[in-house]
Amino acid sequence: MKFVLLKSRGGDYMVVAQNVAWLRSHENGQTKIGMIGSEAIQVSGTIEETAAAILAG
């Protein structure tokens, strides 16, 4: 299981990379992340930055 640290304005997330279902651009340079078996979370950074962080693990 590979965890990825993602920054958020309300607090940071440790996300299991395999549980990411989708990414969507959101307002103010943030990204929404769809999670398998959970609600979407909102993190800081563009969709490209978020995807790169998840892929880099």
Protein backbone atom coordinates (compact mmCIF):
# COMPACT_ATOMS: atom_id res chain seq x y z
CA MET A 1 0.00 0.00 0.00
CA LYS A 2 1.50 3.34 -1.08
CA PHE A 3 0.53 6.50 0.81
CA VAL A 4 0.85 9.97 -0.76
CA LEU A 5 0.94 13.22 1.24
CA LEU A 6 -1.35 15.86 -0.27
CA LYS A 7 -1.57 19.40 1.11
CA SER A 8 -4.89 21.08 1.83
CA ARG A 9 -5.81 24.48 3.20
CA GLY A 10 -7.80 22.85 6.01
CA GLY A 11 -5.18 20.20 6.87
CA ASP A 12 -3.04 17.64 5.08
CA TYR A 13 -4.16 14.22 3.80
CA MET A 14 -2.33 10.91 3.59
CA VAL A 15 -4.07 9.16 0.69
CA VAL A 16 -3.68 5.57 -0.51
CA ALA A 17 -2.65 6.10 -4.14
CA GLN A 18 -4.60 3.05 -5.38
CA ASN A 19 -7.86 4.49 -3.97
CA VAL A 20 -7.84 7.58 -6.21
CA ALA A 21 -10.67 7.25 -8.75
CA TRP A 22 -10.68 10.69 -10.43
CA LEU A 23 -9.31 14.25 -10.35
CA ARG A 24 -11.25 17.41 -11.16
CA SER A 25 -10.10 21.02 -11.32
CA HIS A 26 -11.76 23.15 -8.66
CA GLU A 27 -11.84 26.84 -7.81
CA ASN A 28 -8.89 28.90 -6.54
CA GLY A 29 -6.19 26.57 -7.88
CA GLN A 30 -7.44 23.56 -5.96
CA THR A 31 -8.26 20.00 -7.05
CA LYS A 32 -11.07 17.65 -6.03
CA ILE A 33 -10.05 14.00 -5.67
CA GLY A 34 -12.60 11.22 -5.94
CA MET A 35 -11.82 8.37 -3.58
CA ILE A 36 -13.00 4.76 -3.90
CA GLY A 37 -15.24 4.00 -0.95
CA SER A 38 -15.26 7.58 0.37
CA GLU A 39 -16.34 11.12 -0.37
CA ALA A 40 -14.25 13.42 -2.54
CA ILE A 41 -11.56 15.52 -0.87
CA GLN A 42 -10.25 18.94 -1.88
CA VAL A 43 -6.51 19.63 -1.96
CA SER A 44 -4.26 22.56 -2.84
CA GLY A 45 -2.62 22.63 -6.26
CA THR A 46 -3.62 22.22 -9.88
CA ILE A 47 -4.84 18.97 -11.36
CA GLU A 48 -1.41 18.49 -13.01
CA GLU A 49 0.48 19.06 -9.75
CA THR A 50 -1.82 16.69 -7.89
CA ALA A 51 -1.51 13.98 -10.55
CA ALA A 52 2.29 14.29 -10.49
CA ALA A 53 2.36 13.97 -6.68
CA ILE A 54 0.20 10.83 -6.83
CA LEU A 55 2.29 9.26 -9.59
CA ALA A 56 5.56 10.07 -7.82
CA GLY A 57 4.21 8.48 -4.67
